[in-house]
Amino acid sequence: MARVFRASTAAPPTRYWLYRIATNACLNVLAARASAGRVLPETQGPASERMPDREPASDIAWLEPYPDSALERLADHAPGPDARYEMREAVQLAFIAAIQLLPPRQRAPCC
């Protein structure tokens, strides 16, 4: 929209119409954001007057290594480094073989 305003050589009524559309679009976005119904902590209940009885947890209970038994069922679609190397080498060999099948004049780097 900004490029349209800068590049616009339109008559003033058209320019006013573009500004009006942009303003309404921004106001609609702001109104939708305000009515999104966010839940804020102060709307859930009053603030507590005292500290909790226990110390905060220093470890994360849900963070554990992924089990190897579950990895076997996952399909790995990305080839590993060795497979990529073999594929590249196979393509290079196929290219060299194709070049060798060409007549000598087409194989030469210059005409």
N, C-alpha and C. Protein backbone atom coordinates (compact mmCIF):
# COMPACT_ATOMS: atom_id res chain seq x y z
N MET A 1 0.82 -1.19 0.00
CA MET A 1 0.00 0.00 0.00
C MET A 1 0.87 1.25 0.00
N ALA A 2 1.98 1.21 0.73
CA ALA A 2 2.83 2.40 0.82
C ALA A 2 3.39 2.76 -0.55
N ARG A 3 3.76 1.75 -1.34
CA ARG A 3 4.28 2.02 -2.68
C ARG A 3 3.20 2.66 -3.55
N VAL A 4 1.96 2.25 -3.34
CA VAL A 4 0.86 2.83 -4.12
C VAL A 4 0.72 4.30 -3.77
N PHE A 5 0.85 4.64 -2.47
CA PHE A 5 0.73 6.03 -2.06
C PHE A 5 1.85 6.88 -2.64
N ARG A 6 3.10 6.36 -2.56
CA ARG A 6 4.25 7.12 -3.03
C ARG A 6 4.22 7.28 -4.55
N ALA A 7 3.88 6.23 -5.25
CA ALA A 7 3.90 6.25 -6.70
C ALA A 7 2.62 6.81 -7.30
N SER A 8 1.67 7.09 -6.46
CA SER A 8 0.37 7.52 -6.95
C SER A 8 0.44 8.94 -7.48
N THR A 9 0.05 9.11 -8.71
CA THR A 9 -0.10 10.44 -9.29
C THR A 9 -1.58 10.67 -9.56
N ALA A 10 -2.39 9.96 -8.78
CA ALA A 10 -3.83 10.02 -8.98
C ALA A 10 -4.37 11.35 -8.48
N ALA A 11 -5.57 11.59 -8.86
CA ALA A 11 -6.25 12.80 -8.43
C ALA A 11 -6.49 12.75 -6.93
N PRO A 12 -6.64 13.89 -6.28
CA PRO A 12 -6.84 13.92 -4.83
C PRO A 12 -8.01 13.07 -4.33
N PRO A 13 -9.15 12.99 -5.01
CA PRO A 13 -10.22 12.12 -4.49
C PRO A 13 -9.81 10.65 -4.44
N THR A 14 -9.06 10.20 -5.44
CA THR A 14 -8.60 8.81 -5.44
C THR A 14 -7.59 8.57 -4.33
N ARG A 15 -6.71 9.54 -4.12
CA ARG A 15 -5.72 9.44 -3.05
C ARG A 15 -6.43 9.39 -1.69
N TYR A 16 -7.44 10.22 -1.50
CA TYR A 16 -8.21 10.20 -0.26
C TYR A 16 -8.87 8.84 -0.06
N TRP A 17 -9.38 8.26 -1.12
CA TRP A 17 -10.03 6.96 -1.06
C TRP A 17 -9.02 5.89 -0.64
N LEU A 18 -7.79 5.93 -1.18
CA LEU A 18 -6.75 4.96 -0.80
C LEU A 18 -6.37 5.12 0.67
N TYR A 19 -6.22 6.36 1.14
CA TYR A 19 -5.91 6.59 2.55
C TYR A 19 -7.02 6.06 3.44
N ARG A 20 -8.24 6.25 3.04
CA ARG A 20 -9.40 5.79 3.82
C ARG A 20 -9.41 4.26 3.92
N ILE A 21 -9.10 3.57 2.82
CA ILE A 21 -9.06 2.10 2.82
C ILE A 21 -7.94 1.62 3.75
N ALA A 22 -6.77 2.23 3.66
CA ALA A 22 -5.65 1.81 4.50
C ALA A 22 -5.95 2.06 5.97
N THR A 23 -6.55 3.19 6.28
CA THR A 23 -6.90 3.50 7.67
C THR A 23 -7.91 2.51 8.22
N ASN A 24 -8.93 2.20 7.44
CA ASN A 24 -9.94 1.24 7.90
C ASN A 24 -9.36 -0.15 8.08
N ALA A 25 -8.44 -0.55 7.19
CA ALA A 25 -7.81 -1.86 7.33
C ALA A 25 -7.01 -1.94 8.62
N CYS A 26 -6.26 -0.89 8.93
CA CYS A 26 -5.48 -0.88 10.17
C CYS A 26 -6.40 -0.88 11.39
N LEU A 27 -7.46 -0.11 11.35
CA LEU A 27 -8.38 -0.08 12.48
C LEU A 27 -9.08 -1.42 12.68
N ASN A 28 -9.39 -2.11 11.60
CA ASN A 28 -10.00 -3.44 11.71
C ASN A 28 -9.04 -4.44 12.34
N VAL A 29 -7.76 -4.38 11.98
CA VAL A 29 -6.78 -5.28 12.58
C VAL A 29 -6.64 -5.00 14.07
N LEU A 30 -6.58 -3.72 14.44
CA LEU A 30 -6.47 -3.38 15.86
C LEU A 30 -7.70 -3.82 16.64
N ALA A 31 -8.88 -3.67 16.06
CA ALA A 31 -10.10 -4.09 16.75
C ALA A 31 -10.14 -5.61 16.92
N ALA A 32 -9.70 -6.34 15.89
CA ALA A 32 -9.69 -7.80 15.99
C ALA A 32 -8.68 -8.26 17.03
N ARG A 33 -7.56 -7.57 17.12
CA ARG A 33 -6.55 -7.94 18.11
C ARG A 33 -7.05 -7.65 19.52
N ALA A 34 -7.79 -6.57 19.70
CA ALA A 34 -8.28 -6.22 21.03
C ALA A 34 -9.38 -7.18 21.49
N SER A 35 -10.15 -7.69 20.55
CA SER A 35 -11.24 -8.59 20.93
C SER A 35 -10.85 -10.05 20.82
N ALA A 36 -9.56 -10.34 20.81
CA ALA A 36 -9.10 -11.72 20.68
C ALA A 36 -9.40 -12.54 21.92
N GLY A 37 -9.70 -11.91 23.02
CA GLY A 37 -10.05 -12.63 24.24
C GLY A 37 -8.85 -13.24 24.93
N ARG A 38 -7.80 -12.47 25.08
CA ARG A 38 -6.63 -12.97 25.79
C ARG A 38 -6.94 -13.14 27.27
N VAL A 39 -6.35 -14.16 27.85
CA VAL A 39 -6.51 -14.39 29.28
C VAL A 39 -5.26 -13.87 29.96
N LEU A 40 -5.43 -12.82 30.73
CA LEU A 40 -4.32 -12.23 31.46
C LEU A 40 -4.33 -12.72 32.90
N PRO A 41 -3.18 -12.79 33.54
CA PRO A 41 -3.13 -13.31 34.91
C PRO A 41 -4.01 -12.54 35.88
N GLU A 42 -4.09 -11.23 35.73
CA GLU A 42 -4.90 -10.46 36.69
C GLU A 42 -6.39 -10.70 36.54
N THR A 43 -6.83 -11.26 35.40
CA THR A 43 -8.25 -11.55 35.24
C THR A 43 -8.61 -12.93 35.81
N GLN A 44 -7.61 -13.76 36.12
CA GLN A 44 -7.87 -15.09 36.66
C GLN A 44 -8.16 -15.08 38.15
N GLY A 45 -7.60 -14.14 38.84
CA GLY A 45 -7.81 -14.08 40.28
C GLY A 45 -6.89 -13.05 40.90
N PRO A 46 -7.06 -12.80 42.19
CA PRO A 46 -6.22 -11.80 42.84
C PRO A 46 -4.78 -12.32 42.99
N ALA A 47 -3.86 -11.39 43.10
CA ALA A 47 -2.47 -11.76 43.31
C ALA A 47 -2.29 -12.33 44.71
N SER A 48 -1.36 -13.26 44.87
CA SER A 48 -1.14 -13.85 46.19
C SER A 48 -0.30 -12.91 47.04
N GLU A 49 -0.52 -13.00 48.34
CA GLU A 49 0.17 -12.12 49.28
C GLU A 49 1.47 -12.75 49.80
N ARG A 50 1.63 -14.07 49.66
CA ARG A 50 2.81 -14.72 50.23
C ARG A 50 3.50 -15.57 49.17
N MET A 51 4.74 -15.93 49.46
CA MET A 51 5.54 -16.75 48.55
C MET A 51 5.11 -18.21 48.67
N PRO A 52 5.36 -19.03 47.67
CA PRO A 52 5.04 -20.46 47.76
C PRO A 52 5.87 -21.13 48.87
N ASP A 53 5.36 -22.27 49.38
CA ASP A 53 6.01 -22.96 50.49
C ASP A 53 7.28 -23.70 50.06
N ARG A 54 7.39 -24.08 48.82
CA ARG A 54 8.53 -24.89 48.40
C ARG A 54 9.43 -24.09 47.47
N GLU A 55 10.63 -24.65 47.23
CA GLU A 55 11.59 -24.04 46.32
C GLU A 55 11.14 -24.30 44.87
N PRO A 56 11.47 -23.42 43.96
CA PRO A 56 11.12 -23.69 42.56
C PRO A 56 11.91 -24.89 42.04
N ALA A 57 11.31 -25.62 41.13
CA ALA A 57 11.95 -26.80 40.58
C ALA A 57 13.14 -26.38 39.72
N SER A 58 14.27 -27.05 39.91
CA SER A 58 15.46 -26.70 39.14
C SER A 58 15.62 -27.61 37.92
N ASP A 59 14.95 -28.74 37.89
CA ASP A 59 15.03 -29.62 36.74
C ASP A 59 13.73 -29.57 35.96
N ILE A 60 13.80 -29.96 34.72
CA ILE A 60 12.61 -29.98 33.87
C ILE A 60 12.15 -31.43 33.80
N ALA A 61 10.99 -31.71 34.33
CA ALA A 61 10.52 -33.09 34.46
C ALA A 61 10.22 -33.73 33.10
N TRP A 62 9.77 -32.96 32.14
CA TRP A 62 9.33 -33.54 30.88
C TRP A 62 10.45 -33.68 29.86
N LEU A 63 11.63 -33.17 30.15
CA LEU A 63 12.72 -33.21 29.19
C LEU A 63 13.56 -34.46 29.41
N GLU A 64 13.45 -35.40 28.48
CA GLU A 64 14.19 -36.66 28.55
C GLU A 64 14.70 -37.00 27.15
N PRO A 65 15.72 -37.84 27.06
CA PRO A 65 16.17 -38.26 25.73
C PRO A 65 15.09 -39.04 25.00
N TYR A 66 15.09 -38.92 23.69
CA TYR A 66 14.12 -39.65 22.88
C TYR A 66 14.54 -41.12 22.86
N PRO A 67 13.66 -42.05 23.16
CA PRO A 67 14.05 -43.46 23.23
C PRO A 67 14.44 -44.02 21.85
N ASP A 68 15.48 -44.84 21.83
CA ASP A 68 15.95 -45.42 20.58
C ASP A 68 14.91 -46.34 19.95
N SER A 69 14.10 -46.97 20.77
CA SER A 69 13.08 -47.88 20.22
C SER A 69 12.06 -47.10 19.38
N ALA A 70 11.80 -45.86 19.73
CA ALA A 70 10.86 -45.05 18.94
C ALA A 70 11.50 -44.53 17.66
N LEU A 71 12.81 -44.42 17.64
CA LEU A 71 13.50 -43.93 16.45
C LEU A 71 13.46 -44.94 15.31
N GLU A 72 13.39 -46.22 15.63
CA GLU A 72 13.38 -47.24 14.59
C GLU A 72 12.14 -47.16 13.72
N ARG A 73 11.04 -46.69 14.29
CA ARG A 73 9.79 -46.60 13.53
C ARG A 73 9.71 -45.35 12.67
N LEU A 74 10.58 -44.38 12.90
CA LEU A 74 10.56 -43.15 12.12
C LEU A 74 11.34 -43.35 10.82
N ALA A 75 10.76 -42.89 9.76
CA ALA A 75 11.43 -42.99 8.46
C ALA A 75 12.33 -41.78 8.27
N ASP A 76 13.58 -42.03 7.93
CA ASP A 76 14.53 -40.96 7.67
C ASP A 76 14.58 -40.73 6.17
N HIS A 77 13.97 -39.64 5.71
CA HIS A 77 13.88 -39.38 4.28
C HIS A 77 15.14 -38.70 3.74
N ALA A 78 15.93 -38.07 4.61
CA ALA A 78 17.13 -37.39 4.16
C ALA A 78 18.30 -38.37 4.16
N PRO A 79 18.98 -38.49 3.03
CA PRO A 79 20.12 -39.42 3.01
C PRO A 79 21.26 -38.88 3.87
N GLY A 80 22.04 -39.78 4.40
CA GLY A 80 23.18 -39.41 5.22
C GLY A 80 24.33 -38.90 4.35
N PRO A 81 25.42 -38.47 4.98
CA PRO A 81 26.55 -37.94 4.21
C PRO A 81 27.15 -38.97 3.26
N ASP A 82 27.24 -40.22 3.70
CA ASP A 82 27.83 -41.24 2.83
C ASP A 82 26.96 -41.50 1.61
N ALA A 83 25.64 -41.51 1.79
CA ALA A 83 24.74 -41.73 0.66
C ALA A 83 24.79 -40.56 -0.31
N ARG A 84 24.89 -39.33 0.21
CA ARG A 84 24.99 -38.17 -0.67
C ARG A 84 26.29 -38.20 -1.46
N TYR A 85 27.37 -38.62 -0.82
CA TYR A 85 28.65 -38.72 -1.51
C TYR A 85 28.58 -39.76 -2.64
N GLU A 86 27.97 -40.90 -2.35
CA GLU A 86 27.84 -41.95 -3.37
C GLU A 86 26.96 -41.49 -4.53
N MET A 87 25.89 -40.76 -4.23
CA MET A 87 25.03 -40.27 -5.30
C MET A 87 25.78 -39.27 -6.18
N ARG A 88 26.55 -38.36 -5.55
CA ARG A 88 27.30 -37.38 -6.32
C ARG A 88 28.36 -38.07 -7.19
N GLU A 89 29.02 -39.06 -6.60
CA GLU A 89 30.04 -39.80 -7.36
C GLU A 89 29.41 -40.54 -8.53
N ALA A 90 28.23 -41.12 -8.32
CA ALA A 90 27.55 -41.84 -9.40
C ALA A 90 27.16 -40.88 -10.53
N VAL A 91 26.71 -39.69 -10.18
CA VAL A 91 26.35 -38.71 -11.20
C VAL A 91 27.60 -38.28 -11.97
N GLN A 92 28.70 -38.06 -11.26
CA GLN A 92 29.94 -37.68 -11.94
C GLN A 92 30.41 -38.78 -12.91
N LEU A 93 30.34 -40.03 -12.47
CA LEU A 93 30.74 -41.13 -13.34
C LEU A 93 29.83 -41.25 -14.56
N ALA A 94 28.53 -41.06 -14.35
CA ALA A 94 27.59 -41.11 -15.47
C ALA A 94 27.87 -39.97 -16.45
N PHE A 95 28.23 -38.80 -15.95
CA PHE A 95 28.55 -37.66 -16.80
C PHE A 95 29.81 -37.95 -17.63
N ILE A 96 30.83 -38.50 -16.98
CA ILE A 96 32.06 -38.83 -17.70
C ILE A 96 31.79 -39.89 -18.76
N ALA A 97 30.97 -40.90 -18.42
CA ALA A 97 30.64 -41.94 -19.40
C ALA A 97 29.88 -41.35 -20.58
N ALA A 98 28.98 -40.40 -20.31
CA ALA A 98 28.21 -39.78 -21.39
C ALA A 98 29.12 -38.94 -22.27
N ILE A 99 30.09 -38.25 -21.67
CA ILE A 99 31.02 -37.44 -22.46
C ILE A 99 31.88 -38.34 -23.35
N GLN A 100 32.26 -39.49 -22.83
CA GLN A 100 33.10 -40.39 -23.61
C GLN A 100 32.37 -40.98 -24.81
N LEU A 101 31.05 -41.01 -24.76
CA LEU A 101 30.27 -41.52 -25.89
C LEU A 101 30.13 -40.49 -27.00
N LEU A 102 30.45 -39.24 -26.72
CA LEU A 102 30.32 -38.19 -27.73
C LEU A 102 31.44 -38.32 -28.76
N PRO A 103 31.19 -37.85 -29.98
CA PRO A 103 32.26 -37.82 -30.98
C PRO A 103 33.37 -36.86 -30.54
N PRO A 104 34.59 -37.06 -31.03
CA PRO A 104 35.73 -36.25 -30.56
C PRO A 104 35.54 -34.74 -30.72
N ARG A 105 34.89 -34.30 -31.78
CA ARG A 105 34.72 -32.86 -31.96
C ARG A 105 33.78 -32.26 -30.92
N GLN A 106 32.78 -33.04 -30.47
CA GLN A 106 31.86 -32.54 -29.45
C GLN A 106 32.48 -32.64 -28.06
N ARG A 107 33.47 -33.50 -27.87
CA ARG A 107 34.13 -33.62 -26.59
C ARG A 107 35.15 -32.53 -26.36
N ALA A 108 35.65 -31.95 -27.40
CA ALA A 108 36.71 -30.94 -27.29
C ALA A 108 36.17 -29.69 -26.61
N PRO A 109 36.98 -29.07 -25.74
CA PRO A 109 36.51 -27.86 -25.05
C PRO A 109 36.31 -26.70 -26.00
N CYS A 110 37.11 -26.60 -27.04
CA CYS A 110 36.95 -25.54 -28.03
C CYS A 110 36.63 -26.16 -29.38
N CYS A 111 35.99 -25.40 -30.23
CA CYS A 111 35.63 -25.93 -31.56
C CYS A 111 36.77 -26.07 -32.41
